[in-house]
Amino acid sequence: MARFITVGARPPVAEEQDTDRRIARRRVEAKRKFRSDVVAYVIVNAFLVVAWAISGRGYFWPGWVLAGWGVFLLIDAYRVYMSAPITEADIDKEMRTRR
């Protein structure tokens, strides 16, 4: 019985592991980016609140920046930490509903 070896071909398990690794890497990168975004949010908004306090404490204008930027951070937090990555099972399920 002869065995044929295809040069350069990768077994399906290796490709699946590469895909899983790519997905995991993207999630780690997204989490790191989110953490740096939170640090920037805190530093910039702390500066704005200090500027507001020094300038006479009138109308709390930093609240607009805090609220606006905060909404986008919440959306990003949901995307990074709450949403699950798309799996092959999700794709198969969608394919079955389209038939």
PDB file of N, CA and C in Angstrom:
ATOM      1  N   MET A   1       0.843  -1.168   0.000  1.00  0.00           N
ATOM      2  CA  MET A   1       0.000   0.000   0.000  1.00  0.00           C
ATOM      3  C   MET A   1       0.895   1.240   0.000  1.00  0.00           C
ATOM      4  N   ALA A   2       0.728   2.056  -0.980  1.00  0.00           N
ATOM      5  CA  ALA A   2       1.570   3.245  -1.119  1.00  0.00           C
ATOM      6  C   ALA A   2       0.959   4.425  -0.374  1.00  0.00           C
ATOM      7  N   ARG A   3       1.830   5.234   0.185  1.00  0.00           N
ATOM      8  CA  ARG A   3       1.389   6.464   0.858  1.00  0.00           C
ATOM      9  C   ARG A   3       1.863   7.643   0.037  1.00  0.00           C
ATOM     10  N   PHE A   4       0.984   8.593  -0.134  1.00  0.00           N
ATOM     11  CA  PHE A   4       1.337   9.784  -0.879  1.00  0.00           C
ATOM     12  C   PHE A   4       1.483  10.937   0.099  1.00  0.00           C
ATOM     13  N   ILE A   5       2.567  11.636   0.000  1.00  0.00           N
ATOM     14  CA  ILE A   5       2.806  12.790   0.863  1.00  0.00           C
ATOM     15  C   ILE A   5       2.814  14.032  -0.014  1.00  0.00           C
ATOM     16  N   THR A   6       1.967  14.961   0.337  1.00  0.00           N
ATOM     17  CA  THR A   6       1.918  16.213  -0.401  1.00  0.00           C
ATOM     18  C   THR A   6       2.858  17.194   0.279  1.00  0.00           C
ATOM     19  N   VAL A   7       3.825  17.670  -0.470  1.00  0.00           N
ATOM     20  CA  VAL A   7       4.801  18.596   0.092  1.00  0.00           C
ATOM     21  C   VAL A   7       4.121  19.956   0.315  1.00  0.00           C
ATOM     22  N   GLY A   8       4.306  20.494   1.501  1.00  0.00           N
ATOM     23  CA  GLY A   8       3.757  21.815   1.802  1.00  0.00           C
ATOM     24  C   GLY A   8       2.335  21.788   2.327  1.00  0.00           C
ATOM     25  N   ALA A   9       1.696  20.644   2.261  1.00  0.00           N
ATOM     26  CA  ALA A   9       0.318  20.577   2.767  1.00  0.00           C
ATOM     27  C   ALA A   9       0.355  20.495   4.283  1.00  0.00           C
ATOM     28  N   ARG A  10      -0.610  21.137   4.911  1.00  0.00           N
ATOM     29  CA  ARG A  10      -0.693  21.134   6.358  1.00  0.00           C
ATOM     30  C   ARG A  10      -1.902  20.330   6.778  1.00  0.00           C
ATOM     31  N   PRO A  11      -1.758  19.567   7.811  1.00  0.00           N
ATOM     32  CA  PRO A  11      -2.910  18.810   8.291  1.00  0.00           C
ATOM     33  C   PRO A  11      -3.989  19.757   8.814  1.00  0.00           C
ATOM     34  N   PRO A  12      -5.263  19.357   8.709  1.00  0.00           N
ATOM     35  CA  PRO A  12      -6.360  20.219   9.159  1.00  0.00           C
ATOM     36  C   PRO A  12      -6.246  20.621  10.619  1.00  0.00           C
ATOM     37  N   VAL A  13      -5.700  19.763  11.459  1.00  0.00           N
ATOM     38  CA  VAL A  13      -5.568  20.087  12.885  1.00  0.00           C
ATOM     39  C   VAL A  13      -4.627  21.268  13.068  1.00  0.00           C
ATOM     40  N   ALA A  14      -3.532  21.282  12.328  1.00  0.00           N
ATOM     41  CA  ALA A  14      -2.576  22.389  12.432  1.00  0.00           C
ATOM     42  C   ALA A  14      -3.213  23.696  11.979  1.00  0.00           C
ATOM     43  N   GLU A  15      -3.994  23.633  10.901  1.00  0.00           N
ATOM     44  CA  GLU A  15      -4.664  24.846  10.428  1.00  0.00           C
ATOM     45  C   GLU A  15      -5.666  25.345  11.454  1.00  0.00           C
ATOM     46  N   GLU A  16      -6.385  24.424  12.093  1.00  0.00           N
ATOM     47  CA  GLU A  16      -7.345  24.805  13.123  1.00  0.00           C
ATOM     48  C   GLU A  16      -6.633  25.445  14.315  1.00  0.00           C
ATOM     49  N   GLN A  17      -5.480  24.892  14.682  1.00  0.00           N
ATOM     50  CA  GLN A  17      -4.711  25.464  15.785  1.00  0.00           C
ATOM     51  C   GLN A  17      -4.207  26.851  15.422  1.00  0.00           C
ATOM     52  N   ASP A  18      -3.777  27.047  14.171  1.00  0.00           N
ATOM     53  CA  ASP A  18      -3.342  28.363  13.720  1.00  0.00           C
ATOM     54  C   ASP A  18      -4.486  29.358  13.802  1.00  0.00           C
ATOM     55  N   THR A  19      -5.680  28.932  13.390  1.00  0.00           N
ATOM     56  CA  THR A  19      -6.847  29.813  13.447  1.00  0.00           C
ATOM     57  C   THR A  19      -7.158  30.174  14.892  1.00  0.00           C
ATOM     58  N   ASP A  20      -7.156  29.183  15.766  1.00  0.00           N
ATOM     59  CA  ASP A  20      -7.404  29.448  17.187  1.00  0.00           C
ATOM     60  C   ASP A  20      -6.355  30.396  17.743  1.00  0.00           C
ATOM     61  N   ARG A  21      -5.121  30.191  17.359  1.00  0.00           N
ATOM     62  CA  ARG A  21      -4.036  31.054  17.844  1.00  0.00           C
ATOM     63  C   ARG A  21      -4.214  32.487  17.342  1.00  0.00           C
ATOM     64  N   ARG A  22      -4.614  32.637  16.079  1.00  0.00           N
ATOM     65  CA  ARG A  22      -4.845  33.972  15.521  1.00  0.00           C
ATOM     66  C   ARG A  22      -5.969  34.673  16.269  1.00  0.00           C
ATOM     67  N   ILE A  23      -7.050  33.948  16.531  1.00  0.00           N
ATOM     68  CA  ILE A  23      -8.189  34.525  17.261  1.00  0.00           C
ATOM     69  C   ILE A  23      -7.757  34.927  18.664  1.00  0.00           C
ATOM     70  N   ALA A  24      -7.025  34.051  19.337  1.00  0.00           N
ATOM     71  CA  ALA A  24      -6.558  34.355  20.692  1.00  0.00           C
ATOM     72  C   ALA A  24      -5.638  35.566  20.690  1.00  0.00           C
ATOM     73  N   ARG A  25      -4.771  35.652  19.703  1.00  0.00           N
ATOM     74  CA  ARG A  25      -3.859  36.805  19.617  1.00  0.00           C
ATOM     75  C   ARG A  25      -4.632  38.105  19.421  1.00  0.00           C
ATOM     76  N   ARG A  26      -5.638  38.079  18.551  1.00  0.00           N
ATOM     77  CA  ARG A  26      -6.453  39.280  18.324  1.00  0.00           C
ATOM     78  C   ARG A  26      -7.162  39.711  19.596  1.00  0.00           C
ATOM     79  N   ARG A  27      -7.665  38.741  20.365  1.00  0.00           N
ATOM     80  CA  ARG A  27      -8.355  39.069  21.615  1.00  0.00           C
ATOM     81  C   ARG A  27      -7.390  39.658  22.645  1.00  0.00           C
ATOM     82  N   VAL A  28      -6.185  39.103  22.729  1.00  0.00           N
ATOM     83  CA  VAL A  28      -5.182  39.650  23.651  1.00  0.00           C
ATOM     84  C   VAL A  28      -4.815  41.073  23.237  1.00  0.00           C
ATOM     85  N   GLU A  29      -4.614  41.287  21.939  1.00  0.00           N
ATOM     86  CA  GLU A  29      -4.296  42.630  21.455  1.00  0.00           C
ATOM     87  C   GLU A  29      -5.427  43.607  21.750  1.00  0.00           C
ATOM     88  N   ALA A  30      -6.673  43.181  21.565  1.00  0.00           N
ATOM     89  CA  ALA A  30      -7.825  44.045  21.831  1.00  0.00           C
ATOM     90  C   ALA A  30      -7.908  44.396  23.319  1.00  0.00           C
ATOM     91  N   LYS A  31      -7.630  43.425  24.188  1.00  0.00           N
ATOM     92  CA  LYS A  31      -7.665  43.691  25.627  1.00  0.00           C
ATOM     93  C   LYS A  31      -6.573  44.660  26.032  1.00  0.00           C
ATOM     94  N   ARG A  32      -5.396  44.500  25.474  1.00  0.00           N
ATOM     95  CA  ARG A  32      -4.308  45.439  25.785  1.00  0.00           C
ATOM     96  C   ARG A  32      -4.628  46.836  25.295  1.00  0.00           C
ATOM     97  N   LYS A  33      -5.171  46.930  24.095  1.00  0.00           N
ATOM     98  CA  LYS A  33      -5.541  48.240  23.560  1.00  0.00           C
ATOM     99  C   LYS A  33      -6.612  48.884  24.437  1.00  0.00           C
ATOM    100  N   PHE A  34      -7.580  48.091  24.878  1.00  0.00           N
ATOM    101  CA  PHE A  34      -8.639  48.632  25.733  1.00  0.00           C
ATOM    102  C   PHE A  34      -8.060  49.169  27.038  1.00  0.00           C
ATOM    103  N   ARG A  35      -7.142  48.411  27.634  1.00  0.00           N
ATOM    104  CA  ARG A  35      -6.533  48.880  28.883  1.00  0.00           C
ATOM    105  C   ARG A  35      -5.781  50.186  28.672  1.00  0.00           C
ATOM    106  N   SER A  36      -5.065  50.326  27.578  1.00  0.00           N
ATOM    107  CA  SER A  36      -4.356  51.580  27.313  1.00  0.00           C
ATOM    108  C   SER A  36      -5.344  52.712  27.035  1.00  0.00           C
ATOM    109  N   ASP A  37      -6.478  52.404  26.405  1.00  0.00           N
ATOM    110  CA  ASP A  37      -7.511  53.420  26.188  1.00  0.00           C
ATOM    111  C   ASP A  37      -8.099  53.906  27.514  1.00  0.00           C
ATOM    112  N   VAL A  38      -8.282  52.986  28.468  1.00  0.00           N
ATOM    113  CA  VAL A  38      -8.807  53.368  29.785  1.00  0.00           C
ATOM    114  C   VAL A  38      -7.806  54.264  30.511  1.00  0.00           C
ATOM    115  N   VAL A  39      -6.530  53.931  30.421  1.00  0.00           N
ATOM    116  CA  VAL A  39      -5.503  54.764  31.054  1.00  0.00           C
ATOM    117  C   VAL A  39      -5.520  56.161  30.447  1.00  0.00           C
ATOM    118  N   ALA A  40      -5.596  56.251  29.128  1.00  0.00           N
ATOM    119  CA  ALA A  40      -5.657  57.556  28.464  1.00  0.00           C
ATOM    120  C   ALA A  40      -6.904  58.320  28.897  1.00  0.00           C
ATOM    121  N   TYR A  41      -8.030  57.634  29.001  1.00  0.00           N
ATOM    122  CA  TYR A  41      -9.287  58.252  29.440  1.00  0.00           C
ATOM    123  C   TYR A  41      -9.130  58.867  30.825  1.00  0.00           C
ATOM    124  N   VAL A  42      -8.550  58.109  31.748  1.00  0.00           N
ATOM    125  CA  VAL A  42      -8.388  58.593  33.126  1.00  0.00           C
ATOM    126  C   VAL A  42      -7.438  59.782  33.166  1.00  0.00           C
ATOM    127  N   ILE A  43      -6.299  59.696  32.488  1.00  0.00           N
ATOM    128  CA  ILE A  43      -5.307  60.769  32.532  1.00  0.00           C
ATOM    129  C   ILE A  43      -5.841  62.047  31.900  1.00  0.00           C
ATOM    130  N   VAL A  44      -6.396  61.948  30.700  1.00  0.00           N
ATOM    131  CA  VAL A  44      -6.901  63.131  30.003  1.00  0.00           C
ATOM    132  C   VAL A  44      -8.048  63.766  30.779  1.00  0.00           C
ATOM    133  N   ASN A  45      -8.985  62.952  31.261  1.00  0.00           N
ATOM    134  CA  ASN A  45     -10.122  63.516  31.968  1.00  0.00           C
ATOM    135  C   ASN A  45      -9.738  64.062  33.335  1.00  0.00           C
ATOM    136  N   ALA A  46      -8.753  63.469  33.986  1.00  0.00           N
ATOM    137  CA  ALA A  46      -8.248  64.040  35.242  1.00  0.00           C
ATOM    138  C   ALA A  46      -7.660  65.416  34.977  1.00  0.00           C
ATOM    139  N   PHE A  47      -6.905  65.555  33.898  1.00  0.00           N
ATOM    140  CA  PHE A  47      -6.349  66.855  33.520  1.00  0.00           C
ATOM    141  C   PHE A  47      -7.471  67.864  33.261  1.00  0.00           C
ATOM    142  N   LEU A  48      -8.506  67.454  32.563  1.00  0.00           N
ATOM    143  CA  LEU A  48      -9.607  68.375  32.265  1.00  0.00           C
ATOM    144  C   LEU A  48     -10.350  68.791  33.538  1.00  0.00           C
ATOM    145  N   VAL A  49     -10.544  67.875  34.452  1.00  0.00           N
ATOM    146  CA  VAL A  49     -11.223  68.208  35.705  1.00  0.00           C
ATOM    147  C   VAL A  49     -10.358  69.158  36.526  1.00  0.00           C
ATOM    148  N   VAL A  50      -9.052  68.936  36.538  1.00  0.00           N
ATOM    149  CA  VAL A  50      -8.146  69.857  37.246  1.00  0.00           C
ATOM    150  C   VAL A  50      -8.193  71.228  36.584  1.00  0.00           C
ATOM    151  N   ALA A  51      -8.184  71.275  35.249  1.00  0.00           N
ATOM    152  CA  ALA A  51      -8.270  72.563  34.537  1.00  0.00           C
ATOM    153  C   ALA A  51      -9.586  73.258  34.871  1.00  0.00           C
ATOM    154  N   TRP A  52     -10.668  72.520  34.931  1.00  0.00           N
ATOM    155  CA  TRP A  52     -11.967  73.090  35.305  1.00  0.00           C
ATOM    156  C   TRP A  52     -11.923  73.647  36.729  1.00  0.00           C
ATOM    157  N   ALA A  53     -11.325  72.892  37.648  1.00  0.00           N
ATOM    158  CA  ALA A  53     -11.262  73.323  39.050  1.00  0.00           C
ATOM    159  C   ALA A  53     -10.408  74.579  39.202  1.00  0.00           C
ATOM    160  N   ILE A  54      -9.313  74.652  38.479  1.00  0.00           N
ATOM    161  CA  ILE A  54      -8.436  75.823  38.560  1.00  0.00           C
ATOM    162  C   ILE A  54      -9.087  77.048  37.931  1.00  0.00           C
ATOM    163  N   SER A  55      -9.888  76.828  36.902  1.00  0.00           N
ATOM    164  CA  SER A  55     -10.471  77.950  36.160  1.00  0.00           C
ATOM    165  C   SER A  55     -11.717  78.536  36.813  1.00  0.00           C
ATOM    166  N   GLY A  56     -12.083  78.107  37.982  1.00  0.00           N
ATOM    167  CA  GLY A  56     -13.176  78.773  38.676  1.00  0.00           C
ATOM    168  C   GLY A  56     -14.363  77.902  39.022  1.00  0.00           C
ATOM    169  N   ARG A  57     -14.369  76.677  38.659  1.00  0.00           N
ATOM    170  CA  ARG A  57     -15.433  75.737  39.016  1.00  0.00           C
ATOM    171  C   ARG A  57     -16.835  76.221  38.645  1.00  0.00           C
ATOM    172  N   GLY A  58     -16.972  76.716  37.477  1.00  0.00           N
ATOM    173  CA  GLY A  58     -18.304  77.098  37.013  1.00  0.00           C
ATOM    174  C   GLY A  58     -19.045  75.883  36.483  1.00  0.00           C
ATOM    175  N   TYR A  59     -19.615  76.052  35.312  1.00  0.00           N
ATOM    176  CA  TYR A  59     -20.315  74.953  34.648  1.00  0.00           C
ATOM    177  C   TYR A  59     -19.350  73.785  34.446  1.00  0.00           C
ATOM    178  N   PHE A  60     -19.759  72.579  34.777  1.00  0.00           N
ATOM    179  CA  PHE A  60     -18.874  71.410  34.695  1.00  0.00           C
ATOM    180  C   PHE A  60     -18.790  70.911  33.255  1.00  0.00           C
ATOM    181  N   TRP A  61     -18.029  71.602  32.447  1.00  0.00           N
ATOM    182  CA  TRP A  61     -17.878  71.248  31.040  1.00  0.00           C
ATOM    183  C   TRP A  61     -17.107  69.945  30.805  1.00  0.00           C
ATOM    184  N   PRO A  62     -16.198  69.511  31.699  1.00  0.00           N
ATOM    185  CA  PRO A  62     -15.544  68.216  31.442  1.00  0.00           C
ATOM    186  C   PRO A  62     -16.530  67.041  31.414  1.00  0.00           C
ATOM    187  N   GLY A  63     -17.713  67.240  31.962  1.00  0.00           N
ATOM    188  CA  GLY A  63     -18.713  66.179  31.945  1.00  0.00           C
ATOM    189  C   GLY A  63     -19.070  65.737  30.536  1.00  0.00           C
ATOM    190  N   TRP A  64     -19.036  66.663  29.578  1.00  0.00           N
ATOM    191  CA  TRP A  64     -19.338  66.306  28.194  1.00  0.00           C
ATOM    192  C   TRP A  64     -18.297  65.338  27.638  1.00  0.00           C
ATOM    193  N   VAL A  65     -17.038  65.630  27.946  1.00  0.00           N
ATOM    194  CA  VAL A  65     -15.966  64.751  27.475  1.00  0.00           C
ATOM    195  C   VAL A  65     -16.028  63.410  28.214  1.00  0.00           C
ATOM    196  N   LEU A  66     -16.222  63.467  29.534  1.00  0.00           N
ATOM    197  CA  LEU A  66     -16.335  62.243  30.323  1.00  0.00           C
ATOM    198  C   LEU A  66     -17.455  61.344  29.789  1.00  0.00           C
ATOM    199  N   ALA A  67     -18.606  61.928  29.534  1.00  0.00           N
ATOM    200  CA  ALA A  67     -19.761  61.147  29.087  1.00  0.00           C
ATOM    201  C   ALA A  67     -19.567  60.612  27.668  1.00  0.00           C
ATOM    202  N   GLY A  68     -19.163  61.486  26.760  1.00  0.00           N
ATOM    203  CA  GLY A  68     -19.007  61.067  25.362  1.00  0.00           C
ATOM    204  C   GLY A  68     -17.962  59.986  25.185  1.00  0.00           C
ATOM    205  N   TRP A  69     -16.792  60.227  25.735  1.00  0.00           N
ATOM    206  CA  TRP A  69     -15.710  59.260  25.628  1.00  0.00           C
ATOM    207  C   TRP A  69     -16.065  57.992  26.406  1.00  0.00           C
ATOM    208  N   GLY A  70     -16.736  58.157  27.527  1.00  0.00           N
ATOM    209  CA  GLY A  70     -17.147  57.007  28.344  1.00  0.00           C
ATOM    210  C   GLY A  70     -18.084  56.068  27.611  1.00  0.00           C
ATOM    211  N   VAL A  71     -19.000  56.634  26.822  1.00  0.00           N
ATOM    212  CA  VAL A  71     -19.916  55.798  26.037  1.00  0.00           C
ATOM    213  C   VAL A  71     -19.128  54.925  25.059  1.00  0.00           C
ATOM    214  N   PHE A  72     -18.151  55.529  24.393  1.00  0.00           N
ATOM    215  CA  PHE A  72     -17.352  54.753  23.447  1.00  0.00           C
ATOM    216  C   PHE A  72     -16.504  53.698  24.162  1.00  0.00           C
ATOM    217  N   LEU A  73     -16.018  54.016  25.361  1.00  0.00           N
ATOM    218  CA  LEU A  73     -15.277  53.022  26.128  1.00  0.00           C
ATOM    219  C   LEU A  73     -16.175  51.850  26.532  1.00  0.00           C
ATOM    220  N   LEU A  74     -17.409  52.152  26.907  1.00  0.00           N
ATOM    221  CA  LEU A  74     -18.343  51.083  27.269  1.00  0.00           C
ATOM    222  C   LEU A  74     -18.643  50.175  26.075  1.00  0.00           C
ATOM    223  N   ILE A  75     -18.820  50.772  24.910  1.00  0.00           N
ATOM    224  CA  ILE A  75     -19.060  49.981  23.696  1.00  0.00           C
ATOM    225  C   ILE A  75     -17.853  49.095  23.410  1.00  0.00           C
ATOM    226  N   ASP A  76     -16.657  49.681  23.542  1.00  0.00           N
ATOM    227  CA  ASP A  76     -15.436  48.914  23.310  1.00  0.00           C
ATOM    228  C   ASP A  76     -15.274  47.807  24.351  1.00  0.00           C
ATOM    229  N   ALA A  77     -15.611  48.101  25.612  1.00  0.00           N
ATOM    230  CA  ALA A  77     -15.525  47.089  26.670  1.00  0.00           C
ATOM    231  C   ALA A  77     -16.461  45.921  26.369  1.00  0.00           C
ATOM    232  N   TYR A  78     -17.648  46.217  25.910  1.00  0.00           N
ATOM    233  CA  TYR A  78     -18.587  45.155  25.550  1.00  0.00           C
ATOM    234  C   TYR A  78     -18.007  44.297  24.431  1.00  0.00           C
ATOM    235  N   ARG A  79     -17.471  44.958  23.412  1.00  0.00           N
ATOM    236  CA  ARG A  79     -16.913  44.244  22.270  1.00  0.00           C
ATOM    237  C   ARG A  79     -15.740  43.367  22.686  1.00  0.00           C
ATOM    238  N   VAL A  80     -14.888  43.870  23.573  1.00  0.00           N
ATOM    239  CA  VAL A  80     -13.682  43.142  23.951  1.00  0.00           C
ATOM    240  C   VAL A  80     -13.967  42.029  24.958  1.00  0.00           C
ATOM    241  N   TYR A  81     -14.792  42.318  25.971  1.00  0.00           N
ATOM    242  CA  TYR A  81     -14.939  41.373  27.076  1.00  0.00           C
ATOM    243  C   TYR A  81     -16.243  40.570  27.061  1.00  0.00           C
ATOM    244  N   MET A  82     -17.282  41.057  26.459  1.00  0.00           N
ATOM    245  CA  MET A  82     -18.573  40.386  26.550  1.00  0.00           C
ATOM    246  C   MET A  82     -18.944  39.596  25.300  1.00  0.00           C
ATOM    247  N   SER A  83     -18.577  40.077  24.143  1.00  0.00           N
ATOM    248  CA  SER A  83     -18.981  39.377  22.922  1.00  0.00           C
ATOM    249  C   SER A  83     -18.073  38.176  22.685  1.00  0.00           C
ATOM    250  N   ALA A  84     -18.676  37.086  22.296  1.00  0.00           N
ATOM    251  CA  ALA A  84     -17.932  35.855  22.041  1.00  0.00           C
ATOM    252  C   ALA A  84     -17.444  35.857  20.594  1.00  0.00           C
ATOM    253  N   PRO A  85     -16.290  35.268  20.350  1.00  0.00           N
ATOM    254  CA  PRO A  85     -15.815  35.190  18.964  1.00  0.00           C
ATOM    255  C   PRO A  85     -16.713  34.261  18.147  1.00  0.00           C
ATOM    256  N   ILE A  86     -16.755  34.485  16.866  1.00  0.00           N
ATOM    257  CA  ILE A  86     -17.557  33.665  15.965  1.00  0.00           C
ATOM    258  C   ILE A  86     -16.875  32.311  15.801  1.00  0.00           C
ATOM    259  N   THR A  87     -17.634  31.260  15.994  1.00  0.00           N
ATOM    260  CA  THR A  87     -17.088  29.908  15.884  1.00  0.00           C
ATOM    261  C   THR A  87     -17.618  29.232  14.621  1.00  0.00           C
ATOM    262  N   GLU A  88     -17.031  28.104  14.302  1.00  0.00           N
ATOM    263  CA  GLU A  88     -17.503  27.314  13.159  1.00  0.00           C
ATOM    264  C   GLU A  88     -18.947  26.855  13.382  1.00  0.00           C
ATOM    265  N   ALA A  89     -19.290  26.563  14.635  1.00  0.00           N
ATOM    266  CA  ALA A  89     -20.665  26.151  14.949  1.00  0.00           C
ATOM    267  C   ALA A  89     -21.649  27.281  14.643  1.00  0.00           C
ATOM    268  N   ASP A  90     -21.262  28.521  14.935  1.00  0.00           N
ATOM    269  CA  ASP A  90     -22.117  29.667  14.615  1.00  0.00           C
ATOM    270  C   ASP A  90     -22.324  29.784  13.102  1.00  0.00           C
ATOM    271  N   ILE A  91     -21.253  29.606  12.367  1.00  0.00           N
ATOM    272  CA  ILE A  91     -21.330  29.707  10.905  1.00  0.00           C
ATOM    273  C   ILE A  91     -22.205  28.577  10.344  1.00  0.00           C
ATOM    274  N   ASP A  92     -22.003  27.356  10.850  1.00  0.00           N
ATOM    275  CA  ASP A  92     -22.811  26.218  10.389  1.00  0.00           C
ATOM    276  C   ASP A  92     -24.289  26.434  10.689  1.00  0.00           C
ATOM    277  N   LYS A  93     -24.590  26.950  11.871  1.00  0.00           N
ATOM    278  CA  LYS A  93     -25.976  27.219  12.247  1.00  0.00           C
ATOM    279  C   LYS A  93     -26.605  28.244  11.309  1.00  0.00           C
ATOM    280  N   GLU A  94     -25.858  29.302  10.998  1.00  0.00           N
ATOM    281  CA  GLU A  94     -26.374  30.326  10.086  1.00  0.00           C
ATOM    282  C   GLU A  94     -26.596  29.753   8.686  1.00  0.00           C
ATOM    283  N   MET A  95     -25.686  28.888   8.256  1.00  0.00           N
ATOM    284  CA  MET A  95     -25.813  28.263   6.935  1.00  0.00           C
ATOM    285  C   MET A  95     -27.086  27.410   6.880  1.00  0.00           C
ATOM    286  N   ARG A  96     -27.390  26.690   7.959  1.00  0.00           N
ATOM    287  CA  ARG A  96     -28.592  25.845   7.991  1.00  0.00           C
ATOM    288  C   ARG A  96     -29.867  26.706   7.950  1.00  0.00           C
ATOM    289  N   THR A  97     -29.859  27.871   8.570  1.00  0.00           N
ATOM    290  CA  THR A  97     -31.058  28.707   8.564  1.00  0.00           C
ATOM    291  C   THR A  97     -31.291  29.357   7.207  1.00  0.00           C
ATOM    292  N   ARG A  98     -30.271  29.464   6.397  1.00  0.00           N
ATOM    293  CA  ARG A  98     -30.410  30.098   5.079  1.00  0.00           C
ATOM    294  C   ARG A  98     -30.938  29.143   4.034  1.00  0.00           C
ATOM    295  N   ARG A  99     -30.991  27.860   4.339  1.00  0.00           N
ATOM    296  CA  ARG A  99     -31.450  26.867   3.339  1.00  0.00           C
ATOM    297  C   ARG A  99     -32.920  26.743   3.312  1.00  0.00           C
TER     298      ARG A  99
END
